[in-house]
Amino acid sequence: VPGNSGIISGLQKYYCKRRSGRYALIGCLPNEEQIGRFALSGRKSCRK
């Protein structure tokens, strides 16, 4: 459902946290590196 993908969103957040990252809305902070990108939402997974 547009805006509320429930299951997939939860899996993406779990995947990001499993890799010791955080789920970034726009982009990573300067002291972080991008470790993943989620095509459906355009969000990024970042870690220090």
ModelCIF file with pLDDT and N, C-alpha, C, O atoms, coordinates in Angstrom:
data_MODEL
#
_entry.id   MODEL 
#
_entity.id                         1 
_entity.type                       polymer 
_entity.pdbx_number_of_molecules   1 
#
_entity_poly.entity_id                      1 
_entity_poly.type                           'polypeptide(L)' 
_entity_poly.nstd_linkage                   no 
_entity_poly.nstd_monomer                   no 
_entity_poly.pdbx_seq_one_letter_code       VPGNSGIISGLQKYYCKRRSGRYALIGCLPNEEQIGRFALSGRKSCRK 
_entity_poly.pdbx_seq_one_letter_code_can   VPGNSGIISGLQKYYCKRRSGRYALIGCLPNEEQIGRFALSGRKSCRK 
_entity_poly.pdbx_strand_id                 A 
#
loop_
_entity_poly_seq.entity_id 
_entity_poly_seq.num 
_entity_poly_seq.mon_id 
_entity_poly_seq.hetero 
1 1  VAL n 
1 2  PRO n 
1 3  GLY n 
1 4  ASN n 
1 5  SER n 
1 6  GLY n 
1 7  ILE n 
1 8  ILE n 
1 9  SER n 
1 10 GLY n 
1 11 LEU n 
1 12 GLN n 
1 13 LYS n 
1 14 TYR n 
1 15 TYR n 
1 16 CYS n 
1 17 LYS n 
1 18 ARG n 
1 19 ARG n 
1 20 SER n 
1 21 GLY n 
1 22 ARG n 
1 23 TYR n 
1 24 ALA n 
1 25 LEU n 
1 26 ILE n 
1 27 GLY n 
1 28 CYS n 
1 29 LEU n 
1 30 PRO n 
1 31 ASN n 
1 32 GLU n 
1 33 GLU n 
1 34 GLN n 
1 35 ILE n 
1 36 GLY n 
1 37 ARG n 
1 38 PHE n 
1 39 ALA n 
1 40 LEU n 
1 41 SER n 
1 42 GLY n 
1 43 ARG n 
1 44 LYS n 
1 45 SER n 
1 46 CYS n 
1 47 ARG n 
1 48 LYS n 
#
_struct_asym.id          A 
_struct_asym.entity_id   1 
#
loop_
_ma_qa_metric.id 
_ma_qa_metric.mode 
_ma_qa_metric.name 
_ma_qa_metric.software_group_id 
_ma_qa_metric.type 
1 global pLDDT . pLDDT 
2 local  pLDDT . pLDDT 
#
_ma_qa_metric_global.metric_id      1 
_ma_qa_metric_global.metric_value   77.12 
_ma_qa_metric_global.model_id       1 
_ma_qa_metric_global.ordinal_id     1 
#
loop_
_ma_qa_metric_local.label_asym_id 
_ma_qa_metric_local.label_comp_id 
_ma_qa_metric_local.label_seq_id 
_ma_qa_metric_local.metric_id 
_ma_qa_metric_local.metric_value 
_ma_qa_metric_local.model_id 
_ma_qa_metric_local.ordinal_id 
A VAL 1  2 59.00 1 1  
A PRO 2  2 59.00 1 2  
A GLY 3  2 57.00 1 3  
A ASN 4  2 55.00 1 4  
A SER 5  2 58.00 1 5  
A GLY 6  2 65.00 1 6  
A ILE 7  2 66.00 1 7  
A ILE 8  2 68.00 1 8  
A SER 9  2 70.00 1 9  
A GLY 10 2 73.00 1 10 
A LEU 11 2 74.00 1 11 
A GLN 12 2 73.00 1 12 
A LYS 13 2 75.00 1 13 
A TYR 14 2 78.00 1 14 
A TYR 15 2 76.00 1 15 
A CYS 16 2 77.00 1 16 
A LYS 17 2 79.00 1 17 
A ARG 18 2 81.00 1 18 
A ARG 19 2 80.00 1 19 
A SER 20 2 82.00 1 20 
A GLY 21 2 83.00 1 21 
A ARG 22 2 83.00 1 22 
A TYR 23 2 79.00 1 23 
A ALA 24 2 82.00 1 24 
A LEU 25 2 81.00 1 25 
A ILE 26 2 82.00 1 26 
A GLY 27 2 83.00 1 27 
A CYS 28 2 86.00 1 28 
A LEU 29 2 87.00 1 29 
A PRO 30 2 90.00 1 30 
A ASN 31 2 91.00 1 31 
A GLU 32 2 89.00 1 32 
A GLU 33 2 87.00 1 33 
A GLN 34 2 87.00 1 34 
A ILE 35 2 85.00 1 35 
A GLY 36 2 81.00 1 36 
A ARG 37 2 80.00 1 37 
A PHE 38 2 75.00 1 38 
A ALA 39 2 69.00 1 39 
A LEU 40 2 65.00 1 40 
A SER 41 2 67.00 1 41 
A GLY 42 2 75.00 1 42 
A ARG 43 2 79.00 1 43 
A LYS 44 2 83.00 1 44 
A SER 45 2 85.00 1 45 
A CYS 46 2 88.00 1 46 
A ARG 47 2 88.00 1 47 
A LYS 48 2 87.00 1 48 
#
loop_
_atom_site.group_PDB 
_atom_site.id 
_atom_site.type_symbol 
_atom_site.label_atom_id 
_atom_site.label_alt_id 
_atom_site.label_comp_id 
_atom_site.label_asym_id 
_atom_site.label_entity_id 
_atom_site.label_seq_id 
_atom_site.pdbx_PDB_ins_code 
_atom_site.Cartn_x 
_atom_site.Cartn_y 
_atom_site.Cartn_z 
_atom_site.occupancy 
_atom_site.B_iso_or_equiv 
_atom_site.pdbx_formal_charge 
_atom_site.auth_seq_id 
_atom_site.auth_comp_id 
_atom_site.auth_asym_id 
_atom_site.auth_atom_id 
_atom_site.pdbx_PDB_model_num 
ATOM 1   N N  . VAL A 1 1  ? 0.864  -1.164 0.000  1.00 59.00 ? 1  VAL A N  1 
ATOM 2   C CA . VAL A 1 1  ? 0.000  0.000  0.000  1.00 59.00 ? 1  VAL A CA 1 
ATOM 3   C C  . VAL A 1 1  ? 0.908  1.223  0.000  1.00 59.00 ? 1  VAL A C  1 
ATOM 4   O O  . VAL A 1 1  ? 1.801  1.309  0.842  1.00 59.00 ? 1  VAL A O  1 
ATOM 5   N N  . PRO A 1 2  ? 0.713  2.173  -0.913 1.00 59.00 ? 2  PRO A N  1 
ATOM 6   C CA . PRO A 1 2  ? 1.592  3.346  -0.956 1.00 59.00 ? 2  PRO A CA 1 
ATOM 7   C C  . PRO A 1 2  ? 1.645  4.062  0.392  1.00 59.00 ? 2  PRO A C  1 
ATOM 8   O O  . PRO A 1 2  ? 0.617  4.411  0.972  1.00 59.00 ? 2  PRO A O  1 
ATOM 9   N N  . GLY A 1 3  ? 2.868  4.269  0.871  1.00 57.00 ? 3  GLY A N  1 
ATOM 10  C CA . GLY A 1 3  ? 3.054  4.972  2.131  1.00 57.00 ? 3  GLY A CA 1 
ATOM 11  C C  . GLY A 1 3  ? 3.061  4.081  3.356  1.00 57.00 ? 3  GLY A C  1 
ATOM 12  O O  . GLY A 1 3  ? 3.494  4.508  4.427  1.00 57.00 ? 3  GLY A O  1 
ATOM 13  N N  . ASN A 1 4  ? 2.592  2.860  3.222  1.00 55.00 ? 4  ASN A N  1 
ATOM 14  C CA . ASN A 1 4  ? 2.537  1.963  4.374  1.00 55.00 ? 4  ASN A CA 1 
ATOM 15  C C  . ASN A 1 4  ? 2.798  0.540  3.905  1.00 55.00 ? 4  ASN A C  1 
ATOM 16  O O  . ASN A 1 4  ? 1.862  -0.237 3.711  1.00 55.00 ? 4  ASN A O  1 
ATOM 17  N N  . SER A 1 5  ? 4.067  0.199  3.722  1.00 58.00 ? 5  SER A N  1 
ATOM 18  C CA . SER A 1 5  ? 4.387  -1.116 3.173  1.00 58.00 ? 5  SER A CA 1 
ATOM 19  C C  . SER A 1 5  ? 4.589  -2.171 4.254  1.00 58.00 ? 5  SER A C  1 
ATOM 20  O O  . SER A 1 5  ? 4.917  -3.316 3.940  1.00 58.00 ? 5  SER A O  1 
ATOM 21  N N  . GLY A 1 6  ? 4.403  -1.816 5.493  1.00 65.00 ? 6  GLY A N  1 
ATOM 22  C CA . GLY A 1 6  ? 4.366  -2.752 6.610  1.00 65.00 ? 6  GLY A CA 1 
ATOM 23  C C  . GLY A 1 6  ? 5.443  -3.811 6.659  1.00 65.00 ? 6  GLY A C  1 
ATOM 24  O O  . GLY A 1 6  ? 6.479  -3.608 7.292  1.00 65.00 ? 6  GLY A O  1 
ATOM 25  N N  . ILE A 1 7  ? 5.223  -4.927 6.010  1.00 66.00 ? 7  ILE A N  1 
ATOM 26  C CA . ILE A 1 7  ? 6.123  -6.071 6.100  1.00 66.00 ? 7  ILE A CA 1 
ATOM 27  C C  . ILE A 1 7  ? 7.489  -5.747 5.508  1.00 66.00 ? 7  ILE A C  1 
ATOM 28  O O  . ILE A 1 7  ? 8.513  -6.011 6.139  1.00 66.00 ? 7  ILE A O  1 
ATOM 29  N N  . ILE A 1 8  ? 7.518  -5.184 4.316  1.00 68.00 ? 8  ILE A N  1 
ATOM 30  C CA . ILE A 1 8  ? 8.798  -4.885 3.661  1.00 68.00 ? 8  ILE A CA 1 
ATOM 31  C C  . ILE A 1 8  ? 9.558  -3.820 4.442  1.00 68.00 ? 8  ILE A C  1 
ATOM 32  O O  . ILE A 1 8  ? 10.774 -3.925 4.602  1.00 68.00 ? 8  ILE A O  1 
ATOM 33  N N  . SER A 1 9  ? 8.873  -2.814 4.921  1.00 70.00 ? 9  SER A N  1 
ATOM 34  C CA . SER A 1 9  ? 9.510  -1.766 5.711  1.00 70.00 ? 9  SER A CA 1 
ATOM 35  C C  . SER A 1 9  ? 10.146 -2.339 6.972  1.00 70.00 ? 9  SER A C  1 
ATOM 36  O O  . SER A 1 9  ? 11.263 -1.968 7.332  1.00 70.00 ? 9  SER A O  1 
ATOM 37  N N  . GLY A 1 10 ? 9.449  -3.226 7.629  1.00 73.00 ? 10 GLY A N  1 
ATOM 38  C CA . GLY A 1 10 ? 9.988  -3.862 8.830  1.00 73.00 ? 10 GLY A CA 1 
ATOM 39  C C  . GLY A 1 10 ? 11.221 -4.688 8.533  1.00 73.00 ? 10 GLY A C  1 
ATOM 40  O O  . GLY A 1 10 ? 12.178 -4.676 9.307  1.00 73.00 ? 10 GLY A O  1 
ATOM 41  N N  . LEU A 1 11 ? 11.210 -5.406 7.419  1.00 74.00 ? 11 LEU A N  1 
ATOM 42  C CA . LEU A 1 11 ? 12.370 -6.209 7.030  1.00 74.00 ? 11 LEU A CA 1 
ATOM 43  C C  . LEU A 1 11 ? 13.570 -5.322 6.710  1.00 74.00 ? 11 LEU A C  1 
ATOM 44  O O  . LEU A 1 11 ? 14.701 -5.657 7.062  1.00 74.00 ? 11 LEU A O  1 
ATOM 45  N N  . GLN A 1 12 ? 13.329 -4.197 6.046  1.00 73.00 ? 12 GLN A N  1 
ATOM 46  C CA . GLN A 1 12 ? 14.419 -3.280 5.719  1.00 73.00 ? 12 GLN A CA 1 
ATOM 47  C C  . GLN A 1 12 ? 15.044 -2.696 6.979  1.00 73.00 ? 12 GLN A C  1 
ATOM 48  O O  . GLN A 1 12 ? 16.268 -2.606 7.081  1.00 73.00 ? 12 GLN A O  1 
ATOM 49  N N  . LYS A 1 13 ? 14.219 -2.301 7.932  1.00 75.00 ? 13 LYS A N  1 
ATOM 50  C CA . LYS A 1 13 ? 14.742 -1.760 9.182  1.00 75.00 ? 13 LYS A CA 1 
ATOM 51  C C  . LYS A 1 13 ? 15.535 -2.818 9.946  1.00 75.00 ? 13 LYS A C  1 
ATOM 52  O O  . LYS A 1 13 ? 16.580 -2.517 10.522 1.00 75.00 ? 13 LYS A O  1 
ATOM 53  N N  . TYR A 1 14 ? 15.044 -4.045 9.951  1.00 78.00 ? 14 TYR A N  1 
ATOM 54  C CA . TYR A 1 14 ? 15.756 -5.131 10.619 1.00 78.00 ? 14 TYR A CA 1 
ATOM 55  C C  . TYR A 1 14 ? 17.105 -5.380 9.954  1.00 78.00 ? 14 TYR A C  1 
ATOM 56  O O  . TYR A 1 14 ? 18.113 -5.552 10.639 1.00 78.00 ? 14 TYR A O  1 
ATOM 57  N N  . TYR A 1 15 ? 17.129 -5.399 8.635  1.00 76.00 ? 15 TYR A N  1 
ATOM 58  C CA . TYR A 1 15 ? 18.360 -5.609 7.869  1.00 76.00 ? 15 TYR A CA 1 
ATOM 59  C C  . TYR A 1 15 ? 19.382 -4.516 8.189  1.00 76.00 ? 15 TYR A C  1 
ATOM 60  O O  . TYR A 1 15 ? 20.567 -4.802 8.364  1.00 76.00 ? 15 TYR A O  1 
ATOM 61  N N  . CYS A 1 16 ? 18.932 -3.288 8.262  1.00 77.00 ? 16 CYS A N  1 
ATOM 62  C CA . CYS A 1 16 ? 19.818 -2.163 8.548  1.00 77.00 ? 16 CYS A CA 1 
ATOM 63  C C  . CYS A 1 16 ? 20.365 -2.255 9.976  1.00 77.00 ? 16 CYS A C  1 
ATOM 64  O O  . CYS A 1 16 ? 21.565 -2.076 10.188 1.00 77.00 ? 16 CYS A O  1 
ATOM 65  N N  . LYS A 1 17 ? 19.515 -2.526 10.936 1.00 79.00 ? 17 LYS A N  1 
ATOM 66  C CA . LYS A 1 17 ? 19.967 -2.632 12.325 1.00 79.00 ? 17 LYS A CA 1 
ATOM 67  C C  . LYS A 1 17 ? 20.885 -3.826 12.519 1.00 79.00 ? 17 LYS A C  1 
ATOM 68  O O  . LYS A 1 17 ? 21.811 -3.768 13.328 1.00 79.00 ? 17 LYS A O  1 
ATOM 69  N N  . ARG A 1 18 ? 20.645 -4.893 11.799 1.00 81.00 ? 18 ARG A N  1 
ATOM 70  C CA . ARG A 1 18 ? 21.482 -6.090 11.881 1.00 81.00 ? 18 ARG A CA 1 
ATOM 71  C C  . ARG A 1 18 ? 22.912 -5.792 11.450 1.00 81.00 ? 18 ARG A C  1 
ATOM 72  O O  . ARG A 1 18 ? 23.857 -6.403 11.950 1.00 81.00 ? 18 ARG A O  1 
ATOM 73  N N  . ARG A 1 19 ? 23.069 -4.855 10.522 1.00 80.00 ? 19 ARG A N  1 
ATOM 74  C CA . ARG A 1 19 ? 24.395 -4.465 10.046 1.00 80.00 ? 19 ARG A CA 1 
ATOM 75  C C  . ARG A 1 19 ? 24.944 -3.271 10.836 1.00 80.00 ? 19 ARG A C  1 
ATOM 76  O O  . ARG A 1 19 ? 25.847 -2.581 10.364 1.00 80.00 ? 19 ARG A O  1 
ATOM 77  N N  . SER A 1 20 ? 24.413 -3.030 12.015 1.00 82.00 ? 20 SER A N  1 
ATOM 78  C CA . SER A 1 20 ? 24.834 -1.941 12.913 1.00 82.00 ? 20 SER A CA 1 
ATOM 79  C C  . SER A 1 20 ? 24.688 -0.577 12.263 1.00 82.00 ? 20 SER A C  1 
ATOM 80  O O  . SER A 1 20 ? 25.584 0.264  12.344 1.00 82.00 ? 20 SER A O  1 
ATOM 81  N N  . GLY A 1 21 ? 23.570 -0.371 11.629 1.00 83.00 ? 21 GLY A N  1 
ATOM 82  C CA . GLY A 1 21 ? 23.331 0.906  10.966 1.00 83.00 ? 21 GLY A CA 1 
ATOM 83  C C  . GLY A 1 21 ? 22.085 1.582  11.474 1.00 83.00 ? 21 GLY A C  1 
ATOM 84  O O  . GLY A 1 21 ? 21.419 1.111  12.396 1.00 83.00 ? 21 GLY A O  1 
ATOM 85  N N  . ARG A 1 22 ? 21.788 2.705  10.842 1.00 83.00 ? 22 ARG A N  1 
ATOM 86  C CA . ARG A 1 22 ? 20.551 3.423  11.146 1.00 83.00 ? 22 ARG A CA 1 
ATOM 87  C C  . ARG A 1 22 ? 19.840 3.704  9.828  1.00 83.00 ? 22 ARG A C  1 
ATOM 88  O O  . ARG A 1 22 ? 20.477 3.742  8.775  1.00 83.00 ? 22 ARG A O  1 
ATOM 89  N N  . TYR A 1 23 ? 18.559 3.896  9.877  1.00 79.00 ? 23 TYR A N  1 
ATOM 90  C CA . TYR A 1 23 ? 17.699 4.082  8.731  1.00 79.00 ? 23 TYR A CA 1 
ATOM 91  C C  . TYR A 1 23 ? 17.571 5.580  8.492  1.00 79.00 ? 23 TYR A C  1 
ATOM 92  O O  . TYR A 1 23 ? 16.888 6.264  9.255  1.00 79.00 ? 23 TYR A O  1 
ATOM 93  N N  . ALA A 1 24 ? 18.213 6.108  7.447  1.00 82.00 ? 24 ALA A N  1 
ATOM 94  C CA . ALA A 1 24 ? 18.232 7.548  7.191  1.00 82.00 ? 24 ALA A CA 1 
ATOM 95  C C  . ALA A 1 24 ? 17.187 7.918  6.140  1.00 82.00 ? 24 ALA A C  1 
ATOM 96  O O  . ALA A 1 24 ? 17.054 7.237  5.123  1.00 82.00 ? 24 ALA A O  1 
ATOM 97  N N  . LEU A 1 25 ? 16.452 8.994  6.388  1.00 81.00 ? 25 LEU A N  1 
ATOM 98  C CA . LEU A 1 25 ? 15.398 9.427  5.475  1.00 81.00 ? 25 LEU A CA 1 
ATOM 99  C C  . LEU A 1 25 ? 15.975 10.064 4.215  1.00 81.00 ? 25 LEU A C  1 
ATOM 100 O O  . LEU A 1 25 ? 15.595 9.691  3.105  1.00 81.00 ? 25 LEU A O  1 
ATOM 101 N N  . ILE A 1 26 ? 16.879 11.013 4.372  1.00 82.00 ? 26 ILE A N  1 
ATOM 102 C CA . ILE A 1 26 ? 17.416 11.751 3.215  1.00 82.00 ? 26 ILE A CA 1 
ATOM 103 C C  . ILE A 1 26 ? 18.809 11.272 2.843  1.00 82.00 ? 26 ILE A C  1 
ATOM 104 O O  . ILE A 1 26 ? 19.045 10.897 1.695  1.00 82.00 ? 26 ILE A O  1 
ATOM 105 N N  . GLY A 1 27 ? 19.726 11.278 3.787  1.00 83.00 ? 27 GLY A N  1 
ATOM 106 C CA . GLY A 1 27 ? 21.082 10.855 3.491  1.00 83.00 ? 27 GLY A CA 1 
ATOM 107 C C  . GLY A 1 27 ? 21.863 10.630 4.763  1.00 83.00 ? 27 GLY A C  1 
ATOM 108 O O  . GLY A 1 27 ? 21.385 10.882 5.869  1.00 83.00 ? 27 GLY A O  1 
ATOM 109 N N  . CYS A 1 28 ? 23.080 10.149 4.578  1.00 86.00 ? 28 CYS A N  1 
ATOM 110 C CA . CYS A 1 28 ? 23.949 9.863  5.713  1.00 86.00 ? 28 CYS A CA 1 
ATOM 111 C C  . CYS A 1 28 ? 24.631 11.139 6.199  1.00 86.00 ? 28 CYS A C  1 
ATOM 112 O O  . CYS A 1 28 ? 24.834 12.079 5.432  1.00 86.00 ? 28 CYS A O  1 
ATOM 113 N N  . LEU A 1 29 ? 24.975 11.157 7.464  1.00 87.00 ? 29 LEU A N  1 
ATOM 114 C CA . LEU A 1 29 ? 25.718 12.279 8.028  1.00 87.00 ? 29 LEU A CA 1 
ATOM 115 C C  . LEU A 1 29 ? 27.167 12.217 7.541  1.00 87.00 ? 29 LEU A C  1 
ATOM 116 O O  . LEU A 1 29 ? 27.602 11.173 7.056  1.00 87.00 ? 29 LEU A O  1 
ATOM 117 N N  . PRO A 1 30 ? 27.935 13.327 7.662  1.00 90.00 ? 30 PRO A N  1 
ATOM 118 C CA . PRO A 1 30 ? 29.313 13.341 7.164  1.00 90.00 ? 30 PRO A CA 1 
ATOM 119 C C  . PRO A 1 30 ? 30.221 12.280 7.783  1.00 90.00 ? 30 PRO A C  1 
ATOM 120 O O  . PRO A 1 30 ? 31.137 11.797 7.117  1.00 90.00 ? 30 PRO A O  1 
ATOM 121 N N  . ASN A 1 31 ? 29.990 11.912 9.024  1.00 91.00 ? 31 ASN A N  1 
ATOM 122 C CA . ASN A 1 31 ? 30.844 10.911 9.676  1.00 91.00 ? 31 ASN A CA 1 
ATOM 123 C C  . ASN A 1 31 ? 30.300 9.492  9.519  1.00 91.00 ? 31 ASN A C  1 
ATOM 124 O O  . ASN A 1 31 ? 30.711 8.596  10.257 1.00 91.00 ? 31 ASN A O  1 
ATOM 125 N N  . GLU A 1 32 ? 29.388 9.269  8.579  1.00 89.00 ? 32 GLU A N  1 
ATOM 126 C CA . GLU A 1 32 ? 28.791 7.966  8.344  1.00 89.00 ? 32 GLU A CA 1 
ATOM 127 C C  . GLU A 1 32 ? 29.030 7.525  6.901  1.00 89.00 ? 32 GLU A C  1 
ATOM 128 O O  . GLU A 1 32 ? 29.235 8.343  6.005  1.00 89.00 ? 32 GLU A O  1 
ATOM 129 N N  . GLU A 1 33 ? 28.997 6.211  6.708  1.00 87.00 ? 33 GLU A N  1 
ATOM 130 C CA . GLU A 1 33 ? 29.092 5.659  5.362  1.00 87.00 ? 33 GLU A CA 1 
ATOM 131 C C  . GLU A 1 33 ? 27.792 4.948  5.024  1.00 87.00 ? 33 GLU A C  1 
ATOM 132 O O  . GLU A 1 33 ? 27.122 4.405  5.903  1.00 87.00 ? 33 GLU A O  1 
ATOM 133 N N  . GLN A 1 34 ? 27.443 4.955  3.753  1.00 87.00 ? 34 GLN A N  1 
ATOM 134 C CA . GLN A 1 34 ? 26.218 4.303  3.312  1.00 87.00 ? 34 GLN A CA 1 
ATOM 135 C C  . GLN A 1 34 ? 26.486 2.814  3.127  1.00 87.00 ? 34 GLN A C  1 
ATOM 136 O O  . GLN A 1 34 ? 27.423 2.433  2.424  1.00 87.00 ? 34 GLN A O  1 
ATOM 137 N N  . ILE A 1 35 ? 25.670 1.974  3.753  1.00 85.00 ? 35 ILE A N  1 
ATOM 138 C CA . ILE A 1 35 ? 25.861 0.524  3.642  1.00 85.00 ? 35 ILE A CA 1 
ATOM 139 C C  . ILE A 1 35 ? 24.722 -0.141 2.880  1.00 85.00 ? 35 ILE A C  1 
ATOM 140 O O  . ILE A 1 35 ? 24.745 -1.351 2.657  1.00 85.00 ? 35 ILE A O  1 
ATOM 141 N N  . GLY A 1 36 ? 23.732 0.641  2.483  1.00 81.00 ? 36 GLY A N  1 
ATOM 142 C CA . GLY A 1 36 ? 22.619 0.071  1.737  1.00 81.00 ? 36 GLY A CA 1 
ATOM 143 C C  . GLY A 1 36 ? 21.644 1.133  1.302  1.00 81.00 ? 36 GLY A C  1 
ATOM 144 O O  . GLY A 1 36 ? 21.623 2.239  1.842  1.00 81.00 ? 36 GLY A O  1 
ATOM 145 N N  . ARG A 1 37 ? 20.832 0.786  0.316  1.00 80.00 ? 37 ARG A N  1 
ATOM 146 C CA . ARG A 1 37 ? 19.809 1.696  -0.178 1.00 80.00 ? 37 ARG A CA 1 
ATOM 147 C C  . ARG A 1 37 ? 18.576 0.870  -0.496 1.00 80.00 ? 37 ARG A C  1 
ATOM 148 O O  . ARG A 1 37 ? 18.676 -0.221 -1.059 1.00 80.00 ? 37 ARG A O  1 
ATOM 149 N N  . PHE A 1 38 ? 17.430 1.388  -0.137 1.00 75.00 ? 38 PHE A N  1 
ATOM 150 C CA . PHE A 1 38 ? 16.188 0.667  -0.341 1.00 75.00 ? 38 PHE A CA 1 
ATOM 151 C C  . PHE A 1 38 ? 15.404 1.317  -1.460 1.00 75.00 ? 38 PHE A C  1 
ATOM 152 O O  . PHE A 1 38 ? 14.980 2.466  -1.342 1.00 75.00 ? 38 PHE A O  1 
ATOM 153 N N  . ALA A 1 39 ? 15.210 0.583  -2.550 1.00 69.00 ? 39 ALA A N  1 
ATOM 154 C CA . ALA A 1 39 ? 14.634 1.126  -3.781 1.00 69.00 ? 39 ALA A CA 1 
ATOM 155 C C  . ALA A 1 39 ? 13.187 1.582  -3.615 1.00 69.00 ? 39 ALA A C  1 
ATOM 156 O O  . ALA A 1 39 ? 12.795 2.596  -4.192 1.00 69.00 ? 39 ALA A O  1 
ATOM 157 N N  . LEU A 1 40 ? 12.398 0.862  -2.849 1.00 65.00 ? 40 LEU A N  1 
ATOM 158 C CA . LEU A 1 40 ? 10.986 1.209  -2.749 1.00 65.00 ? 40 LEU A CA 1 
ATOM 159 C C  . LEU A 1 40 ? 10.763 2.544  -2.050 1.00 65.00 ? 40 LEU A C  1 
ATOM 160 O O  . LEU A 1 40 ? 9.902  3.321  -2.462 1.00 65.00 ? 40 LEU A O  1 
ATOM 161 N N  . SER A 1 41 ? 11.516 2.813  -1.014 1.00 67.00 ? 41 SER A N  1 
ATOM 162 C CA . SER A 1 41 ? 11.290 4.042  -0.250 1.00 67.00 ? 41 SER A CA 1 
ATOM 163 C C  . SER A 1 41 ? 12.328 5.112  -0.534 1.00 67.00 ? 41 SER A C  1 
ATOM 164 O O  . SER A 1 41 ? 12.104 6.278  -0.210 1.00 67.00 ? 41 SER A O  1 
ATOM 165 N N  . GLY A 1 42 ? 13.463 4.749  -1.135 1.00 75.00 ? 42 GLY A N  1 
ATOM 166 C CA . GLY A 1 42 ? 14.514 5.730  -1.402 1.00 75.00 ? 42 GLY A CA 1 
ATOM 167 C C  . GLY A 1 42 ? 15.342 6.049  -0.175 1.00 75.00 ? 42 GLY A C  1 
ATOM 168 O O  . GLY A 1 42 ? 16.208 6.922  -0.233 1.00 75.00 ? 42 GLY A O  1 
ATOM 169 N N  . ARG A 1 43 ? 15.103 5.372  0.927  1.00 79.00 ? 43 ARG A N  1 
ATOM 170 C CA . ARG A 1 43 ? 15.872 5.615  2.150  1.00 79.00 ? 43 ARG A CA 1 
ATOM 171 C C  . ARG A 1 43 ? 17.208 4.908  2.093  1.00 79.00 ? 43 ARG A C  1 
ATOM 172 O O  . ARG A 1 43 ? 17.428 4.020  1.269  1.00 79.00 ? 43 ARG A O  1 
ATOM 173 N N  . LYS A 1 44 ? 18.099 5.319  2.985  1.00 83.00 ? 44 LYS A N  1 
ATOM 174 C CA . LYS A 1 44 ? 19.431 4.756  3.014  1.00 83.00 ? 44 LYS A CA 1 
ATOM 175 C C  . LYS A 1 44 ? 19.745 4.178  4.379  1.00 83.00 ? 44 LYS A C  1 
ATOM 176 O O  . LYS A 1 44 ? 19.204 4.619  5.393  1.00 83.00 ? 44 LYS A O  1 
ATOM 177 N N  . SER A 1 45 ? 20.611 3.201  4.395  1.00 85.00 ? 45 SER A N  1 
ATOM 178 C CA . SER A 1 45 ? 21.085 2.610  5.639  1.00 85.00 ? 45 SER A CA 1 
ATOM 179 C C  . SER A 1 45 ? 22.526 3.103  5.842  1.00 85.00 ? 45 SER A C  1 
ATOM 180 O O  . SER A 1 45 ? 23.377 2.924  4.971  1.00 85.00 ? 45 SER A O  1 
ATOM 181 N N  . CYS A 1 46 ? 22.785 3.711  6.979  1.00 88.00 ? 46 CYS A N  1 
ATOM 182 C CA . CYS A 1 46 ? 24.094 4.314  7.243  1.00 88.00 ? 46 CYS A CA 1 
ATOM 183 C C  . CYS A 1 46 ? 24.665 3.783  8.560  1.00 88.00 ? 46 CYS A C  1 
ATOM 184 O O  . CYS A 1 46 ? 23.926 3.396  9.465  1.00 88.00 ? 46 CYS A O  1 
ATOM 185 N N  . ARG A 1 47 ? 26.005 3.775  8.644  1.00 88.00 ? 47 ARG A N  1 
ATOM 186 C CA . ARG A 1 47 ? 26.667 3.460  9.900  1.00 88.00 ? 47 ARG A CA 1 
ATOM 187 C C  . ARG A 1 47 ? 27.925 4.293  10.007 1.00 88.00 ? 47 ARG A C  1 
ATOM 188 O O  . ARG A 1 47 ? 28.433 4.796  9.005  1.00 88.00 ? 47 ARG A O  1 
ATOM 189 N N  . LYS A 1 48 ? 28.434 4.440  11.232 1.00 87.00 ? 48 LYS A N  1 
ATOM 190 C CA . LYS A 1 48 ? 29.616 5.255  11.468 1.00 87.00 ? 48 LYS A CA 1 
ATOM 191 C C  . LYS A 1 48 ? 30.829 4.662  10.747 1.00 87.00 ? 48 LYS A C  1 
ATOM 192 O O  . LYS A 1 48 ? 31.927 5.213  10.829 1.00 87.00 ? 48 LYS A O  1 
#
